[in-house]
Amino acid sequence: MGNQISIAIVAAILSSGMISYSFSEPNKVDELRERCGKRTEEFRKKQFGTKESSETKNGQTINKYETHYNANLDKCFYLARSDTIGKNKVTKVERLFSVDENKEYGMFTGGKRDTFTICVVFVEKGKQKCSSEDEWRALIKPYMEDAN
């Protein structure tokens, strides 16, 4: 009799919506991440072409990218990175985009043996500047990582 009451209480709680868990949710996020990767590839080709490296008058440029579907924001982000390696310096340029909105969220430029750093992240109420690559990483973290 005690087990029947316990089962009835659990059934009532589950049917009332007090406790809900969707077994399909992880699959949905995986599907959205996969779609994000495909959209990012299309976006990258359209915006930057397909070359992973090229020779320029300043040296060799190596292009890389990283994609992330942010489940908290329900957006697909793309971080484009170009490293130009010259005789006397290395220059890094990173740009953060929302693929869904076709919108740039921020840019970082800096390098070794250079004294310059340009860093800005565009936020809802304007833009936030930073002065180092560490600050840049901290500013883009909410876009490129999911909060736990």
N, C-alpha and C. Protein backbone atom coordinates (compact mmCIF):
# COMPACT_ATOMS: atom_id res chain seq x y z
N MET A 1 0.82 -1.19 0.00
CA MET A 1 0.00 0.00 0.00
C MET A 1 0.87 1.26 0.00
N GLY A 2 1.96 1.26 0.80
CA GLY A 2 2.87 2.40 0.87
C GLY A 2 3.53 2.70 -0.46
N ASN A 3 3.92 1.66 -1.21
CA ASN A 3 4.54 1.86 -2.52
C ASN A 3 3.56 2.46 -3.51
N GLN A 4 2.28 2.05 -3.44
CA GLN A 4 1.28 2.58 -4.36
C GLN A 4 1.07 4.07 -4.11
N ILE A 5 1.10 4.50 -2.86
CA ILE A 5 0.95 5.92 -2.54
C ILE A 5 2.15 6.70 -3.04
N SER A 6 3.35 6.16 -2.85
CA SER A 6 4.57 6.83 -3.33
C SER A 6 4.54 6.98 -4.83
N ILE A 7 4.15 5.93 -5.52
CA ILE A 7 4.08 5.98 -6.98
C ILE A 7 3.04 7.01 -7.41
N ALA A 8 1.91 7.05 -6.73
CA ALA A 8 0.85 8.00 -7.06
C ALA A 8 1.34 9.44 -6.85
N ILE A 9 2.10 9.67 -5.79
CA ILE A 9 2.62 11.03 -5.52
C ILE A 9 3.61 11.43 -6.60
N VAL A 10 4.53 10.55 -6.96
CA VAL A 10 5.51 10.84 -8.02
C VAL A 10 4.80 11.11 -9.33
N ALA A 11 3.80 10.28 -9.67
CA ALA A 11 3.05 10.47 -10.91
C ALA A 11 2.34 11.82 -10.91
N ALA A 12 1.76 12.20 -9.78
CA ALA A 12 1.06 13.48 -9.69
C ALA A 12 2.03 14.65 -9.86
N ILE A 13 3.20 14.55 -9.26
CA ILE A 13 4.19 15.62 -9.38
C ILE A 13 4.65 15.75 -10.82
N LEU A 14 4.97 14.61 -11.45
CA LEU A 14 5.44 14.66 -12.83
C LEU A 14 4.37 15.19 -13.78
N SER A 15 3.12 14.77 -13.59
CA SER A 15 2.06 15.22 -14.49
C SER A 15 1.68 16.67 -14.25
N SER A 16 1.97 17.20 -13.07
CA SER A 16 1.62 18.59 -12.79
C SER A 16 2.63 19.56 -13.37
N GLY A 17 3.78 19.05 -13.80
CA GLY A 17 4.80 19.94 -14.36
C GLY A 17 5.73 20.52 -13.33
N MET A 18 5.59 20.11 -12.06
CA MET A 18 6.49 20.62 -11.02
C MET A 18 7.92 20.18 -11.28
N ILE A 19 8.08 19.01 -11.83
CA ILE A 19 9.40 18.52 -12.22
C ILE A 19 9.28 18.19 -13.69
N SER A 20 10.14 18.79 -14.49
CA SER A 20 10.08 18.46 -15.91
C SER A 20 11.50 18.25 -16.41
N TYR A 21 11.64 17.30 -17.25
CA TYR A 21 12.92 17.02 -17.87
C TYR A 21 12.63 16.49 -19.26
N SER A 22 13.27 17.06 -20.22
CA SER A 22 13.07 16.62 -21.59
C SER A 22 14.28 15.83 -22.04
N PHE A 23 14.04 14.59 -22.40
CA PHE A 23 15.15 13.77 -22.88
C PHE A 23 15.62 14.21 -24.25
N SER A 24 14.80 14.96 -24.97
CA SER A 24 15.18 15.40 -26.31
C SER A 24 16.03 16.67 -26.28
N GLU A 25 16.09 17.37 -25.17
CA GLU A 25 16.81 18.65 -25.09
C GLU A 25 18.29 18.53 -25.48
N PRO A 26 19.06 17.57 -24.93
CA PRO A 26 20.45 17.46 -25.36
C PRO A 26 20.57 17.21 -26.86
N ASN A 27 19.66 16.41 -27.43
CA ASN A 27 19.70 16.15 -28.86
C ASN A 27 19.42 17.41 -29.66
N LYS A 28 18.52 18.26 -29.16
CA LYS A 28 18.20 19.51 -29.84
C LYS A 28 19.42 20.43 -29.85
N VAL A 29 20.12 20.53 -28.73
CA VAL A 29 21.31 21.38 -28.66
C VAL A 29 22.38 20.84 -29.59
N ASP A 30 22.56 19.52 -29.63
CA ASP A 30 23.54 18.92 -30.55
C ASP A 30 23.18 19.25 -32.00
N GLU A 31 21.90 19.17 -32.32
CA GLU A 31 21.44 19.50 -33.67
C GLU A 31 21.70 20.97 -34.00
N LEU A 32 21.43 21.85 -33.04
CA LEU A 32 21.67 23.28 -33.26
C LEU A 32 23.16 23.57 -33.40
N ARG A 33 24.00 22.87 -32.64
CA ARG A 33 25.46 23.03 -32.78
C ARG A 33 25.92 22.59 -34.16
N GLU A 34 25.38 21.48 -34.64
CA GLU A 34 25.75 20.99 -35.96
C GLU A 34 25.33 21.99 -37.04
N ARG A 35 24.10 22.50 -36.92
CA ARG A 35 23.62 23.51 -37.87
C ARG A 35 24.49 24.76 -37.82
N CYS A 36 24.89 25.15 -36.62
CA CYS A 36 25.75 26.32 -36.45
C CYS A 36 27.06 26.13 -37.20
N GLY A 37 27.64 24.95 -37.08
CA GLY A 37 28.88 24.66 -37.79
C GLY A 37 28.72 24.77 -39.30
N LYS A 38 27.62 24.27 -39.82
CA LYS A 38 27.37 24.34 -41.26
C LYS A 38 27.14 25.78 -41.72
N ARG A 39 26.35 26.54 -40.95
CA ARG A 39 26.10 27.94 -41.30
C ARG A 39 27.39 28.76 -41.22
N THR A 40 28.22 28.44 -40.24
CA THR A 40 29.49 29.15 -40.09
C THR A 40 30.38 28.90 -41.29
N GLU A 41 30.43 27.68 -41.75
CA GLU A 41 31.25 27.36 -42.93
C GLU A 41 30.78 28.16 -44.14
N GLU A 42 29.46 28.23 -44.35
CA GLU A 42 28.91 29.03 -45.45
C GLU A 42 29.25 30.50 -45.28
N PHE A 43 29.08 31.01 -44.07
CA PHE A 43 29.37 32.41 -43.76
C PHE A 43 30.85 32.71 -44.01
N ARG A 44 31.73 31.83 -43.55
CA ARG A 44 33.17 32.01 -43.71
C ARG A 44 33.55 32.06 -45.18
N LYS A 45 33.01 31.16 -45.97
CA LYS A 45 33.32 31.14 -47.40
C LYS A 45 32.88 32.43 -48.08
N LYS A 46 31.68 32.90 -47.70
CA LYS A 46 31.14 34.12 -48.32
C LYS A 46 31.94 35.36 -47.90
N GLN A 47 32.29 35.45 -46.63
CA GLN A 47 32.97 36.64 -46.11
C GLN A 47 34.47 36.65 -46.38
N PHE A 48 35.12 35.49 -46.27
CA PHE A 48 36.58 35.46 -46.27
C PHE A 48 37.20 34.52 -47.29
N GLY A 49 36.41 33.74 -47.99
CA GLY A 49 36.96 32.78 -48.94
C GLY A 49 37.36 31.49 -48.23
N THR A 50 38.04 30.64 -48.96
CA THR A 50 38.36 29.32 -48.41
C THR A 50 39.84 29.11 -48.12
N LYS A 51 40.68 30.07 -48.45
CA LYS A 51 42.12 29.91 -48.23
C LYS A 51 42.45 29.88 -46.75
N GLU A 52 43.26 28.90 -46.37
CA GLU A 52 43.71 28.84 -44.98
C GLU A 52 45.00 29.61 -44.77
N SER A 53 45.72 29.87 -45.85
CA SER A 53 46.93 30.70 -45.74
C SER A 53 47.20 31.37 -47.07
N SER A 54 47.93 32.48 -47.00
CA SER A 54 48.28 33.21 -48.20
C SER A 54 49.56 34.00 -47.95
N GLU A 55 50.25 34.29 -49.02
CA GLU A 55 51.46 35.11 -48.95
C GLU A 55 51.07 36.55 -49.26
N THR A 56 51.55 37.48 -48.45
CA THR A 56 51.30 38.89 -48.68
C THR A 56 52.64 39.62 -48.67
N LYS A 57 52.62 40.90 -48.95
CA LYS A 57 53.88 41.67 -48.92
C LYS A 57 54.43 41.78 -47.50
N ASN A 58 53.57 41.59 -46.50
CA ASN A 58 54.01 41.66 -45.10
C ASN A 58 54.42 40.32 -44.53
N GLY A 59 54.24 39.23 -45.28
CA GLY A 59 54.59 37.91 -44.79
C GLY A 59 53.50 36.91 -45.11
N GLN A 60 53.43 35.84 -44.36
CA GLN A 60 52.43 34.81 -44.56
C GLN A 60 51.28 35.03 -43.58
N THR A 61 50.05 34.93 -44.11
CA THR A 61 48.86 35.05 -43.28
C THR A 61 48.21 33.68 -43.16
N ILE A 62 47.94 33.29 -41.92
CA ILE A 62 47.28 32.02 -41.64
C ILE A 62 45.91 32.33 -41.06
N ASN A 63 44.87 31.78 -41.68
CA ASN A 63 43.49 32.01 -41.27
C ASN A 63 42.95 30.78 -40.57
N LYS A 64 42.32 31.01 -39.42
CA LYS A 64 41.68 29.94 -38.66
C LYS A 64 40.32 30.45 -38.20
N TYR A 65 39.49 29.55 -37.76
CA TYR A 65 38.23 29.99 -37.20
C TYR A 65 37.73 28.99 -36.17
N GLU A 66 36.84 29.49 -35.34
CA GLU A 66 36.22 28.69 -34.29
C GLU A 66 34.74 29.03 -34.30
N THR A 67 33.91 28.04 -34.12
CA THR A 67 32.47 28.26 -34.10
C THR A 67 31.89 27.77 -32.78
N HIS A 68 30.83 28.41 -32.35
CA HIS A 68 30.20 27.99 -31.09
C HIS A 68 28.72 28.34 -31.12
N TYR A 69 27.89 27.32 -30.89
CA TYR A 69 26.47 27.59 -30.69
C TYR A 69 26.28 27.85 -29.20
N ASN A 70 25.83 29.05 -28.86
CA ASN A 70 25.62 29.42 -27.47
C ASN A 70 24.15 29.14 -27.13
N ALA A 71 23.94 28.08 -26.37
CA ALA A 71 22.57 27.66 -26.03
C ALA A 71 21.86 28.69 -25.15
N ASN A 72 22.60 29.37 -24.29
CA ASN A 72 21.99 30.38 -23.42
C ASN A 72 21.45 31.56 -24.21
N LEU A 73 22.17 31.97 -25.25
CA LEU A 73 21.74 33.10 -26.07
C LEU A 73 20.98 32.65 -27.31
N ASP A 74 20.97 31.35 -27.58
CA ASP A 74 20.35 30.76 -28.77
C ASP A 74 20.88 31.44 -30.03
N LYS A 75 22.23 31.55 -30.10
CA LYS A 75 22.88 32.18 -31.26
C LYS A 75 24.12 31.39 -31.65
N CYS A 76 24.44 31.50 -32.90
CA CYS A 76 25.62 30.86 -33.47
C CYS A 76 26.71 31.92 -33.64
N PHE A 77 27.86 31.69 -33.00
CA PHE A 77 28.96 32.64 -33.07
C PHE A 77 30.15 32.05 -33.82
N TYR A 78 30.90 32.94 -34.43
CA TYR A 78 32.03 32.59 -35.27
C TYR A 78 33.18 33.52 -34.91
N LEU A 79 34.32 32.95 -34.56
CA LEU A 79 35.51 33.73 -34.24
C LEU A 79 36.53 33.51 -35.34
N ALA A 80 36.76 34.55 -36.16
CA ALA A 80 37.73 34.48 -37.25
C ALA A 80 39.07 34.98 -36.74
N ARG A 81 40.14 34.27 -37.09
CA ARG A 81 41.46 34.65 -36.63
C ARG A 81 42.44 34.62 -37.80
N SER A 82 43.21 35.69 -37.94
CA SER A 82 44.26 35.78 -38.95
C SER A 82 45.55 36.14 -38.26
N ASP A 83 46.58 35.34 -38.47
CA ASP A 83 47.91 35.64 -37.96
C ASP A 83 48.81 35.93 -39.15
N THR A 84 49.39 37.12 -39.16
CA THR A 84 50.33 37.46 -40.21
C THR A 84 51.73 37.40 -39.62
N ILE A 85 52.55 36.54 -40.21
CA ILE A 85 53.90 36.31 -39.71
C ILE A 85 54.86 36.94 -40.71
N GLY A 86 55.54 38.00 -40.25
CA GLY A 86 56.49 38.71 -41.10
C GLY A 86 57.91 38.52 -40.60
N LYS A 87 58.82 39.26 -41.20
CA LYS A 87 60.23 39.16 -40.81
C LYS A 87 60.44 39.52 -39.35
N ASN A 88 59.87 40.61 -38.93
CA ASN A 88 60.15 41.12 -37.59
C ASN A 88 58.97 41.14 -36.64
N LYS A 89 57.81 40.68 -37.10
CA LYS A 89 56.67 40.76 -36.21
C LYS A 89 55.59 39.75 -36.57
N VAL A 90 54.72 39.53 -35.61
CA VAL A 90 53.53 38.70 -35.79
C VAL A 90 52.34 39.57 -35.42
N THR A 91 51.38 39.65 -36.30
CA THR A 91 50.18 40.44 -36.03
C THR A 91 48.98 39.50 -36.02
N LYS A 92 48.16 39.64 -35.01
CA LYS A 92 46.97 38.81 -34.85
C LYS A 92 45.74 39.70 -34.98
N VAL A 93 44.78 39.23 -35.76
CA VAL A 93 43.49 39.91 -35.87
C VAL A 93 42.43 38.87 -35.59
N GLU A 94 41.53 39.17 -34.66
CA GLU A 94 40.39 38.30 -34.37
C GLU A 94 39.12 39.13 -34.47
N ARG A 95 38.09 38.52 -35.07
CA ARG A 95 36.81 39.19 -35.19
C ARG A 95 35.71 38.21 -34.79
N LEU A 96 34.79 38.67 -33.95
CA LEU A 96 33.69 37.85 -33.47
C LEU A 96 32.40 38.26 -34.18
N PHE A 97 31.72 37.26 -34.76
CA PHE A 97 30.48 37.51 -35.49
C PHE A 97 29.36 36.65 -34.94
N SER A 98 28.14 37.16 -35.06
CA SER A 98 26.94 36.35 -34.89
C SER A 98 26.53 35.95 -36.30
N VAL A 99 26.58 34.66 -36.58
CA VAL A 99 26.24 34.18 -37.91
C VAL A 99 24.77 34.42 -38.20
N ASP A 100 23.91 34.20 -37.20
CA ASP A 100 22.47 34.35 -37.39
C ASP A 100 22.09 35.78 -37.76
N GLU A 101 22.76 36.74 -37.17
CA GLU A 101 22.43 38.15 -37.39
C GLU A 101 23.30 38.79 -38.47
N ASN A 102 24.32 38.07 -38.94
CA ASN A 102 25.30 38.63 -39.88
C ASN A 102 25.84 39.94 -39.32
N LYS A 103 26.27 39.88 -38.05
CA LYS A 103 26.65 41.07 -37.31
C LYS A 103 27.99 40.85 -36.62
N GLU A 104 28.86 41.85 -36.67
CA GLU A 104 30.13 41.77 -35.97
C GLU A 104 29.95 42.20 -34.52
N TYR A 105 30.44 41.38 -33.60
CA TYR A 105 30.32 41.66 -32.17
C TYR A 105 31.59 42.25 -31.58
N GLY A 106 32.72 42.10 -32.26
CA GLY A 106 33.93 42.68 -31.72
C GLY A 106 35.15 42.38 -32.56
N MET A 107 36.26 43.08 -32.23
CA MET A 107 37.50 42.92 -32.97
C MET A 107 38.68 43.13 -32.04
N PHE A 108 39.71 42.33 -32.25
CA PHE A 108 40.96 42.47 -31.53
C PHE A 108 42.08 42.47 -32.55
N THR A 109 43.01 43.41 -32.42
CA THR A 109 44.21 43.44 -33.24
C THR A 109 45.38 43.69 -32.32
N GLY A 110 46.41 42.92 -32.47
CA GLY A 110 47.61 43.10 -31.65
C GLY A 110 48.70 42.19 -32.17
N GLY A 111 49.85 42.28 -31.56
CA GLY A 111 50.91 41.41 -32.02
C GLY A 111 52.14 41.45 -31.14
N LYS A 112 53.03 40.57 -31.43
CA LYS A 112 54.30 40.53 -30.74
C LYS A 112 55.23 41.55 -31.38
N ARG A 113 56.05 42.17 -30.56
CA ARG A 113 56.99 43.20 -30.98
C ARG A 113 56.28 44.46 -31.47
N ASP A 114 55.03 44.56 -31.20
CA ASP A 114 54.27 45.77 -31.53
C ASP A 114 53.80 46.38 -30.23
N THR A 115 53.62 47.67 -30.26
CA THR A 115 53.12 48.33 -29.05
C THR A 115 51.63 48.61 -29.15
N PHE A 116 51.02 48.26 -30.27
CA PHE A 116 49.61 48.59 -30.42
C PHE A 116 48.72 47.41 -30.09
N THR A 117 47.58 47.73 -29.58
CA THR A 117 46.49 46.77 -29.41
C THR A 117 45.20 47.54 -29.64
N ILE A 118 44.39 47.02 -30.52
CA ILE A 118 43.07 47.60 -30.75
C ILE A 118 42.07 46.52 -30.35
N CYS A 119 41.18 46.85 -29.48
CA CYS A 119 40.24 45.85 -29.00
C CYS A 119 38.93 46.54 -28.65
N VAL A 120 37.86 46.04 -29.24
CA VAL A 120 36.55 46.59 -28.94
C VAL A 120 35.51 45.48 -29.09
N VAL A 121 34.57 45.43 -28.17
CA VAL A 121 33.44 44.51 -28.25
C VAL A 121 32.18 45.38 -28.25
N PHE A 122 31.36 45.16 -29.26
CA PHE A 122 30.13 45.92 -29.40
C PHE A 122 29.06 45.25 -28.55
N VAL A 123 28.54 45.97 -27.59
CA VAL A 123 27.51 45.44 -26.70
C VAL A 123 26.24 46.23 -26.91
N GLU A 124 25.17 45.81 -26.29
CA GLU A 124 23.86 46.43 -26.51
C GLU A 124 23.86 47.94 -26.30
N LYS A 125 24.58 48.42 -25.33
CA LYS A 125 24.54 49.85 -25.00
C LYS A 125 25.76 50.60 -25.51
N GLY A 126 26.35 50.17 -26.58
CA GLY A 126 27.51 50.85 -27.13
C GLY A 126 28.65 49.90 -27.37
N LYS A 127 29.84 50.31 -27.00
CA LYS A 127 30.98 49.43 -27.18
C LYS A 127 31.86 49.46 -25.95
N GLN A 128 32.53 48.35 -25.73
CA GLN A 128 33.41 48.22 -24.58
C GLN A 128 34.82 48.00 -25.11
N LYS A 129 35.74 48.84 -24.69
CA LYS A 129 37.12 48.74 -25.15
C LYS A 129 37.95 47.93 -24.17
N CYS A 130 39.01 47.35 -24.70
CA CYS A 130 39.94 46.62 -23.86
C CYS A 130 41.35 46.90 -24.35
N SER A 131 42.33 46.56 -23.53
CA SER A 131 43.70 46.94 -23.88
C SER A 131 44.67 45.76 -23.94
N SER A 132 44.15 44.54 -23.88
CA SER A 132 45.04 43.38 -23.96
C SER A 132 44.27 42.18 -24.50
N GLU A 133 45.02 41.17 -24.90
CA GLU A 133 44.38 39.96 -25.39
C GLU A 133 43.63 39.23 -24.26
N ASP A 134 44.15 39.30 -23.05
CA ASP A 134 43.46 38.69 -21.91
C ASP A 134 42.11 39.36 -21.67
N GLU A 135 42.07 40.68 -21.77
CA GLU A 135 40.79 41.39 -21.62
C GLU A 135 39.84 41.03 -22.75
N TRP A 136 40.36 40.90 -23.97
CA TRP A 136 39.56 40.49 -25.12
C TRP A 136 38.92 39.12 -24.85
N ARG A 137 39.72 38.17 -24.40
CA ARG A 137 39.21 36.83 -24.09
C ARG A 137 38.09 36.88 -23.04
N ALA A 138 38.28 37.72 -22.03
CA ALA A 138 37.27 37.84 -20.98
C ALA A 138 35.97 38.43 -21.55
N LEU A 139 36.09 39.39 -22.46
CA LEU A 139 34.90 40.03 -23.03
C LEU A 139 34.12 39.11 -23.97
N ILE A 140 34.82 38.24 -24.70
CA ILE A 140 34.11 37.37 -25.64
C ILE A 140 33.69 36.04 -25.02
N LYS A 141 34.15 35.77 -23.82
CA LYS A 141 33.81 34.51 -23.14
C LYS A 141 32.30 34.26 -23.05
N PRO A 142 31.47 35.27 -22.71
CA PRO A 142 30.02 35.01 -22.64
C PRO A 142 29.41 34.59 -23.98
N TYR A 143 30.07 34.89 -25.08
CA TYR A 143 29.56 34.52 -26.40
C TYR A 143 30.09 33.16 -26.85
N MET A 144 31.34 32.87 -26.51
CA MET A 144 32.00 31.67 -27.01
C MET A 144 31.97 30.50 -26.03
N GLU A 145 31.38 30.69 -24.87
CA GLU A 145 31.23 29.61 -23.89
C GLU A 145 29.83 29.69 -23.30
N ASP A 146 29.29 28.54 -22.94
CA ASP A 146 28.00 28.51 -22.26
C ASP A 146 28.21 28.63 -20.76
N ALA A 147 27.39 29.45 -20.12
CA ALA A 147 27.44 29.56 -18.65
C ALA A 147 26.87 28.29 -18.06
N ASN A 148 27.43 27.87 -16.98
CA ASN A 148 26.93 26.66 -16.31
C ASN A 148 25.94 27.01 -15.24
